[in-house]
């Protein structure tokens, strides 16, 4: 089983969606967790709506600090935002591969409900493509 950690700054959208996607699609060989450097403390409702719209049950994710996971072993650490990639991460036990995926933050989308939904769907598709390319 490959242990994957997905990091973002707020741990409210992109990292939550990536965690759910990895566990849903690759749960037979990967176990994913997510965290943030400055967690918002809440999961963005649109992230959960987007996952549900695509047939993925995210369970009950929560926005948490990467400090909660320090000392755990991860085979792969993926940052999904540029800000988190530039920050000094806590130490995780053992060697691990690191990947950075520059994914736009859908929470920054403005406009109509439809435009915001489209931003979240685009993030979902980008994450899906990255996961397929790196882990499948």
N, C-alpha and C. Protein backbone atom coordinates (compact mmCIF):
# COMPACT_ATOMS: atom_id res chain seq x y z
N UNK A 1 0.85 -1.18 0.00
CA UNK A 1 0.00 0.00 0.00
C UNK A 1 0.89 1.24 0.00
N UNK A 2 0.63 2.14 -0.93
CA UNK A 2 1.37 3.40 -1.03
C UNK A 2 0.65 4.46 -0.21
N UNK A 3 1.35 5.06 0.74
CA UNK A 3 0.79 6.12 1.58
C UNK A 3 1.08 7.47 0.93
N UNK A 4 0.01 8.22 0.64
CA UNK A 4 0.11 9.49 -0.07
C UNK A 4 -0.40 10.62 0.84
N UNK A 5 0.34 11.71 0.88
CA UNK A 5 -0.10 12.90 1.59
C UNK A 5 -0.25 14.02 0.58
N UNK A 6 -1.40 14.67 0.58
CA UNK A 6 -1.66 15.80 -0.31
C UNK A 6 -1.69 17.06 0.54
N UNK A 7 -0.81 18.01 0.19
CA UNK A 7 -0.69 19.24 0.96
C UNK A 7 -1.15 20.46 0.18
N UNK A 8 -1.77 21.37 0.90
CA UNK A 8 -2.19 22.65 0.36
C UNK A 8 -2.08 23.64 1.51
N UNK A 9 -2.30 24.87 1.25
CA UNK A 9 -2.23 25.85 2.33
C UNK A 9 -3.42 25.71 3.28
N UNK A 10 -4.64 25.84 2.75
CA UNK A 10 -5.84 25.85 3.59
C UNK A 10 -6.44 24.50 3.89
N UNK A 11 -6.09 23.47 3.13
CA UNK A 11 -6.68 22.14 3.28
C UNK A 11 -8.21 22.22 3.33
N UNK A 12 -8.77 22.94 2.33
CA UNK A 12 -10.22 23.06 2.29
C UNK A 12 -10.83 22.68 0.94
N UNK A 13 -10.04 22.70 -0.13
CA UNK A 13 -10.57 22.41 -1.47
C UNK A 13 -9.73 21.37 -2.20
N UNK A 14 -8.63 21.83 -2.81
CA UNK A 14 -7.83 21.00 -3.71
C UNK A 14 -7.29 19.74 -3.02
N UNK A 15 -6.70 19.91 -1.86
CA UNK A 15 -6.12 18.74 -1.18
C UNK A 15 -7.20 17.77 -0.72
N UNK A 16 -8.33 18.30 -0.29
CA UNK A 16 -9.46 17.46 0.13
C UNK A 16 -9.97 16.67 -1.08
N UNK A 17 -10.13 17.35 -2.21
CA UNK A 17 -10.61 16.68 -3.42
C UNK A 17 -9.62 15.62 -3.90
N UNK A 18 -8.33 15.93 -3.87
CA UNK A 18 -7.31 14.96 -4.29
C UNK A 18 -7.30 13.75 -3.38
N UNK A 19 -7.39 13.98 -2.08
CA UNK A 19 -7.44 12.86 -1.13
C UNK A 19 -8.60 11.93 -1.45
N UNK A 20 -9.79 12.50 -1.64
CA UNK A 20 -10.98 11.69 -1.93
C UNK A 20 -10.83 10.96 -3.27
N UNK A 21 -10.31 11.65 -4.28
CA UNK A 21 -10.12 11.02 -5.60
C UNK A 21 -9.16 9.83 -5.52
N UNK A 22 -8.04 10.02 -4.85
CA UNK A 22 -7.06 8.94 -4.73
C UNK A 22 -7.66 7.76 -3.99
N UNK A 23 -8.31 8.02 -2.87
CA UNK A 23 -8.89 6.92 -2.10
C UNK A 23 -10.02 6.22 -2.84
N UNK A 24 -10.79 6.98 -3.61
CA UNK A 24 -11.90 6.39 -4.37
C UNK A 24 -11.40 5.54 -5.54
N UNK A 25 -10.47 6.10 -6.30
CA UNK A 25 -10.04 5.44 -7.54
C UNK A 25 -8.94 4.41 -7.33
N UNK A 26 -8.09 4.64 -6.32
CA UNK A 26 -6.91 3.78 -6.14
C UNK A 26 -6.85 3.17 -4.74
N UNK A 27 -7.97 3.11 -4.07
CA UNK A 27 -8.01 2.64 -2.69
C UNK A 27 -7.50 1.23 -2.47
N UNK A 28 -7.43 0.44 -3.54
CA UNK A 28 -6.91 -0.92 -3.39
C UNK A 28 -5.38 -0.95 -3.29
N UNK A 29 -4.72 0.18 -3.67
CA UNK A 29 -3.26 0.21 -3.58
C UNK A 29 -2.67 1.49 -3.03
N UNK A 30 -3.53 2.49 -2.77
CA UNK A 30 -3.06 3.75 -2.19
C UNK A 30 -3.97 4.16 -1.04
N UNK A 31 -3.36 4.76 -0.05
CA UNK A 31 -4.12 5.35 1.05
C UNK A 31 -3.70 6.81 1.15
N UNK A 32 -4.64 7.71 0.94
CA UNK A 32 -4.32 9.14 0.91
C UNK A 32 -4.86 9.86 2.14
N UNK A 33 -4.10 10.88 2.54
CA UNK A 33 -4.51 11.80 3.59
C UNK A 33 -4.21 13.19 3.05
N UNK A 34 -4.78 14.20 3.68
CA UNK A 34 -4.48 15.58 3.27
C UNK A 34 -4.34 16.45 4.50
N UNK A 35 -3.63 17.57 4.30
CA UNK A 35 -3.42 18.52 5.38
C UNK A 35 -3.00 19.86 4.78
N UNK A 36 -2.90 20.87 5.64
CA UNK A 36 -2.52 22.19 5.17
C UNK A 36 -1.52 22.87 6.09
N UNK A 37 -0.80 23.82 5.53
CA UNK A 37 0.17 24.58 6.32
C UNK A 37 -0.53 25.61 7.19
N UNK A 38 -1.66 26.13 6.75
CA UNK A 38 -2.46 27.10 7.50
C UNK A 38 -3.92 26.73 7.28
N UNK A 39 -4.38 25.62 7.86
CA UNK A 39 -5.73 25.13 7.57
C UNK A 39 -6.81 26.14 7.92
N UNK A 40 -7.83 26.17 7.07
CA UNK A 40 -8.96 27.08 7.30
C UNK A 40 -9.84 26.60 8.44
N UNK A 41 -9.78 25.32 8.74
CA UNK A 41 -10.63 24.76 9.79
C UNK A 41 -11.97 24.26 9.28
N UNK A 42 -12.22 24.45 7.99
CA UNK A 42 -13.47 23.99 7.40
C UNK A 42 -13.23 23.54 5.97
N UNK A 43 -13.95 22.51 5.58
CA UNK A 43 -13.90 22.04 4.19
C UNK A 43 -14.89 22.87 3.39
N UNK A 44 -14.45 23.34 2.23
CA UNK A 44 -15.31 24.17 1.38
C UNK A 44 -16.50 23.33 0.91
N UNK A 45 -17.73 23.81 1.11
CA UNK A 45 -18.91 23.04 0.69
C UNK A 45 -18.91 22.70 -0.79
N UNK A 46 -18.38 23.58 -1.63
CA UNK A 46 -18.35 23.31 -3.08
C UNK A 46 -17.42 22.14 -3.41
N UNK A 47 -16.37 21.94 -2.62
CA UNK A 47 -15.50 20.79 -2.83
C UNK A 47 -16.29 19.50 -2.61
N UNK A 48 -17.08 19.48 -1.57
CA UNK A 48 -17.90 18.29 -1.27
C UNK A 48 -18.99 18.11 -2.32
N UNK A 49 -19.61 19.21 -2.75
CA UNK A 49 -20.64 19.13 -3.79
C UNK A 49 -20.05 18.60 -5.10
N UNK A 50 -18.85 19.07 -5.43
CA UNK A 50 -18.21 18.64 -6.68
C UNK A 50 -17.90 17.15 -6.63
N UNK A 51 -17.36 16.70 -5.53
CA UNK A 51 -17.06 15.26 -5.40
C UNK A 51 -18.35 14.45 -5.54
N UNK A 52 -19.41 14.87 -4.87
CA UNK A 52 -20.69 14.15 -4.95
C UNK A 52 -21.23 14.16 -6.37
N UNK A 53 -21.09 15.29 -7.06
CA UNK A 53 -21.57 15.40 -8.44
C UNK A 53 -20.85 14.40 -9.36
N UNK A 54 -19.63 14.05 -9.00
CA UNK A 54 -18.85 13.09 -9.77
C UNK A 54 -18.89 11.68 -9.18
N UNK A 55 -19.82 11.44 -8.29
CA UNK A 55 -20.04 10.10 -7.75
C UNK A 55 -19.02 9.64 -6.71
N UNK A 56 -18.37 10.59 -6.03
CA UNK A 56 -17.36 10.23 -5.04
C UNK A 56 -17.84 10.64 -3.66
N UNK A 57 -17.85 9.68 -2.75
CA UNK A 57 -18.19 9.96 -1.36
C UNK A 57 -16.88 10.26 -0.63
N UNK A 58 -16.69 11.51 -0.19
CA UNK A 58 -15.44 11.86 0.46
C UNK A 58 -15.35 11.42 1.92
N UNK A 59 -16.43 10.84 2.44
CA UNK A 59 -16.44 10.51 3.86
C UNK A 59 -16.69 11.78 4.64
N UNK A 60 -15.95 11.96 5.73
CA UNK A 60 -16.11 13.15 6.57
C UNK A 60 -14.76 13.84 6.72
N UNK A 61 -14.27 14.46 5.64
CA UNK A 61 -12.95 15.10 5.72
C UNK A 61 -13.00 16.32 6.64
N UNK A 62 -11.84 16.66 7.19
CA UNK A 62 -11.74 17.88 7.98
C UNK A 62 -10.45 18.59 7.62
N UNK A 63 -10.50 19.89 7.70
CA UNK A 63 -9.34 20.72 7.42
C UNK A 63 -8.41 20.66 8.63
N UNK A 64 -7.17 20.17 8.40
CA UNK A 64 -6.25 19.99 9.53
C UNK A 64 -4.84 20.42 9.16
N UNK A 65 -4.06 20.66 10.18
CA UNK A 65 -2.68 21.08 10.00
C UNK A 65 -1.79 19.90 9.66
N UNK A 66 -0.78 20.19 8.85
CA UNK A 66 0.19 19.14 8.52
C UNK A 66 0.99 18.74 9.76
N UNK A 67 0.98 19.57 10.80
CA UNK A 67 1.67 19.21 12.04
C UNK A 67 1.07 17.96 12.67
N UNK A 68 -0.23 17.73 12.46
CA UNK A 68 -0.89 16.53 12.99
C UNK A 68 -0.32 15.25 12.40
N UNK A 69 0.28 15.35 11.23
CA UNK A 69 0.77 14.16 10.53
C UNK A 69 2.29 14.04 10.57
N UNK A 70 2.97 15.02 11.17
CA UNK A 70 4.43 14.99 11.25
C UNK A 70 4.87 13.71 11.96
N UNK A 71 5.92 13.12 11.47
CA UNK A 71 6.43 11.88 12.04
C UNK A 71 5.84 10.63 11.42
N UNK A 72 4.75 10.76 10.67
CA UNK A 72 4.17 9.60 9.99
C UNK A 72 4.94 9.34 8.71
N UNK A 73 4.85 8.11 8.23
CA UNK A 73 5.54 7.75 6.99
C UNK A 73 4.60 7.92 5.80
N UNK A 74 5.10 8.63 4.79
CA UNK A 74 4.40 8.75 3.52
C UNK A 74 5.38 8.41 2.40
N UNK A 75 4.90 7.61 1.45
CA UNK A 75 5.73 7.25 0.30
C UNK A 75 5.78 8.38 -0.72
N UNK A 76 4.72 9.18 -0.75
CA UNK A 76 4.59 10.24 -1.73
C UNK A 76 3.93 11.44 -1.06
N UNK A 77 4.53 12.63 -1.21
CA UNK A 77 3.94 13.87 -0.74
C UNK A 77 3.72 14.76 -1.96
N UNK A 78 2.47 15.18 -2.14
CA UNK A 78 2.08 15.99 -3.29
C UNK A 78 1.59 17.34 -2.79
N UNK A 79 2.18 18.41 -3.28
CA UNK A 79 1.65 19.74 -3.01
C UNK A 79 0.80 20.14 -4.22
N UNK A 80 -0.36 20.74 -3.93
CA UNK A 80 -1.28 21.10 -5.01
C UNK A 80 -1.46 22.61 -5.15
N UNK A 81 -0.70 23.37 -4.36
CA UNK A 81 -0.73 24.83 -4.54
C UNK A 81 0.69 25.36 -4.43
N UNK A 82 0.94 26.43 -5.15
CA UNK A 82 2.29 26.98 -5.22
C UNK A 82 2.77 27.48 -3.86
N UNK A 83 1.88 28.06 -3.09
CA UNK A 83 2.28 28.59 -1.79
C UNK A 83 2.77 27.47 -0.86
N UNK A 84 2.05 26.36 -0.79
CA UNK A 84 2.47 25.25 0.08
C UNK A 84 3.78 24.64 -0.40
N UNK A 85 3.99 24.62 -1.71
CA UNK A 85 5.22 24.04 -2.26
C UNK A 85 6.44 24.83 -1.82
N UNK A 86 6.28 26.12 -1.59
CA UNK A 86 7.41 26.98 -1.22
C UNK A 86 7.67 27.00 0.28
N UNK A 87 6.77 26.42 1.06
CA UNK A 87 6.92 26.46 2.51
C UNK A 87 7.75 25.29 3.01
N UNK A 88 8.31 25.47 4.18
CA UNK A 88 9.09 24.41 4.81
C UNK A 88 8.12 23.42 5.45
N UNK A 89 8.11 22.22 4.92
CA UNK A 89 7.20 21.19 5.42
C UNK A 89 7.75 20.57 6.69
N UNK A 90 6.87 20.02 7.52
CA UNK A 90 7.36 19.28 8.67
C UNK A 90 8.10 18.02 8.21
N UNK A 91 8.79 17.41 9.08
CA UNK A 91 9.54 16.19 8.76
C UNK A 91 8.60 15.00 8.83
N UNK A 92 8.60 14.22 7.76
CA UNK A 92 7.84 12.98 7.74
C UNK A 92 8.86 11.85 7.77
N UNK A 93 8.54 10.79 8.49
CA UNK A 93 9.53 9.72 8.69
C UNK A 93 9.81 8.98 7.39
N UNK A 94 11.06 8.62 7.20
CA UNK A 94 11.48 7.85 6.05
C UNK A 94 11.56 8.67 4.78
N UNK A 95 12.21 8.12 3.79
CA UNK A 95 12.32 8.81 2.50
C UNK A 95 10.97 8.82 1.78
N UNK A 96 10.73 9.87 1.02
CA UNK A 96 9.50 9.90 0.24
C UNK A 96 9.75 10.68 -1.04
N UNK A 97 8.95 10.35 -2.03
CA UNK A 97 8.99 11.08 -3.29
C UNK A 97 8.12 12.32 -3.11
N UNK A 98 8.52 13.43 -3.73
CA UNK A 98 7.74 14.66 -3.65
C UNK A 98 7.37 15.12 -5.05
N UNK A 99 6.10 15.50 -5.20
CA UNK A 99 5.61 16.04 -6.46
C UNK A 99 4.91 17.36 -6.19
N UNK A 100 5.00 18.27 -7.15
CA UNK A 100 4.25 19.52 -7.05
C UNK A 100 3.34 19.65 -8.27
N UNK A 101 2.06 19.87 -8.00
CA UNK A 101 1.08 20.10 -9.04
C UNK A 101 0.51 21.50 -8.82
N UNK A 102 0.76 22.40 -9.72
CA UNK A 102 0.25 23.77 -9.62
C UNK A 102 -1.20 23.78 -10.11
N UNK A 103 -2.13 23.70 -9.17
CA UNK A 103 -3.55 23.63 -9.49
C UNK A 103 -4.22 24.93 -9.02
N UNK A 104 -4.91 25.64 -9.89
CA UNK A 104 -5.59 26.89 -9.47
C UNK A 104 -6.61 26.61 -8.35
N UNK A 105 -6.75 27.58 -7.46
CA UNK A 105 -7.66 27.45 -6.32
C UNK A 105 -9.09 27.78 -6.76
N UNK A 106 -9.99 26.80 -6.76
CA UNK A 106 -11.37 27.09 -7.18
C UNK A 106 -12.10 27.97 -6.18
N UNK A 107 -11.64 28.02 -4.93
CA UNK A 107 -12.29 28.87 -3.94
C UNK A 107 -12.12 30.35 -4.27
N UNK A 108 -11.17 30.66 -5.14
CA UNK A 108 -10.95 32.05 -5.56
C UNK A 108 -11.88 32.45 -6.70
N UNK A 109 -12.64 31.52 -7.23
CA UNK A 109 -13.54 31.81 -8.36
C UNK A 109 -14.65 32.76 -7.92
N UNK A 110 -14.98 33.67 -8.80
CA UNK A 110 -16.05 34.64 -8.54
C UNK A 110 -17.02 34.60 -9.71
N UNK A 111 -18.21 35.10 -9.45
CA UNK A 111 -19.20 35.15 -10.52
C UNK A 111 -20.45 34.38 -10.13
N UNK A 112 -21.13 33.91 -11.15
CA UNK A 112 -22.38 33.19 -10.93
C UNK A 112 -22.11 31.82 -10.30
N UNK A 113 -23.17 31.25 -9.80
CA UNK A 113 -23.10 29.90 -9.24
C UNK A 113 -22.55 28.92 -10.28
N UNK A 114 -22.99 29.08 -11.52
CA UNK A 114 -22.53 28.23 -12.61
C UNK A 114 -21.03 28.40 -12.84
N UNK A 115 -20.54 29.63 -12.82
CA UNK A 115 -19.10 29.88 -13.02
C UNK A 115 -18.27 29.27 -11.90
N UNK A 116 -18.77 29.36 -10.69
CA UNK A 116 -18.06 28.77 -9.54
C UNK A 116 -18.07 27.25 -9.65
N UNK A 117 -19.21 26.68 -9.99
CA UNK A 117 -19.27 25.22 -10.20
C UNK A 117 -18.30 24.79 -11.29
N UNK A 118 -18.20 25.56 -12.36
CA UNK A 118 -17.27 25.24 -13.45
C UNK A 118 -15.83 25.27 -12.96
N UNK A 119 -15.49 26.22 -12.10
CA UNK A 119 -14.13 26.30 -11.56
C UNK A 119 -13.82 25.07 -10.72
N UNK A 120 -14.76 24.62 -9.92
CA UNK A 120 -14.55 23.42 -9.11
C UNK A 120 -14.46 22.18 -9.98
N UNK A 121 -15.31 22.11 -11.02
CA UNK A 121 -15.24 20.97 -11.95
C UNK A 121 -13.91 20.93 -12.69
N UNK A 122 -13.40 22.09 -13.08
CA UNK A 122 -12.10 22.14 -13.75
C UNK A 122 -10.99 21.68 -12.81
N UNK A 123 -11.05 22.08 -11.57
CA UNK A 123 -10.07 21.61 -10.59
C UNK A 123 -10.16 20.10 -10.43
N UNK A 124 -11.37 19.59 -10.37
CA UNK A 124 -11.57 18.14 -10.27
C UNK A 124 -10.92 17.43 -11.46
N UNK A 125 -11.16 17.94 -12.68
CA UNK A 125 -10.60 17.31 -13.88
C UNK A 125 -9.06 17.38 -13.90
N UNK A 126 -8.51 18.52 -13.46
CA UNK A 126 -7.05 18.64 -13.40
C UNK A 126 -6.46 17.65 -12.41
N UNK A 127 -7.07 17.54 -11.26
CA UNK A 127 -6.59 16.58 -10.25
C UNK A 127 -6.71 15.15 -10.77
N UNK A 128 -7.83 14.85 -11.37
CA UNK A 128 -8.06 13.51 -11.93
C UNK A 128 -6.97 13.16 -12.95
N UNK A 129 -6.65 14.09 -13.83
CA UNK A 129 -5.62 13.85 -14.85
C UNK A 129 -4.25 13.67 -14.21
N UNK A 130 -3.93 14.47 -13.22
CA UNK A 130 -2.63 14.34 -12.54
C UNK A 130 -2.53 13.01 -11.80
N UNK A 131 -3.60 12.63 -11.14
CA UNK A 131 -3.62 11.36 -10.41
C UNK A 131 -3.45 10.21 -11.38
N UNK A 132 -4.19 10.25 -12.49
CA UNK A 132 -4.07 9.19 -13.50
C UNK A 132 -2.65 9.11 -14.04
N UNK A 133 -2.01 10.25 -14.27
CA UNK A 133 -0.67 10.26 -14.81
C UNK A 133 0.41 9.82 -13.84
N UNK A 134 0.23 10.13 -12.58
CA UNK A 134 1.28 9.85 -11.60
C UNK A 134 1.09 8.55 -10.84
N UNK A 135 -0.14 8.13 -10.63
CA UNK A 135 -0.38 7.00 -9.74
C UNK A 135 -0.99 5.77 -10.41
N UNK A 136 -1.52 5.93 -11.60
CA UNK A 136 -2.17 4.78 -12.25
C UNK A 136 -1.19 3.88 -12.97
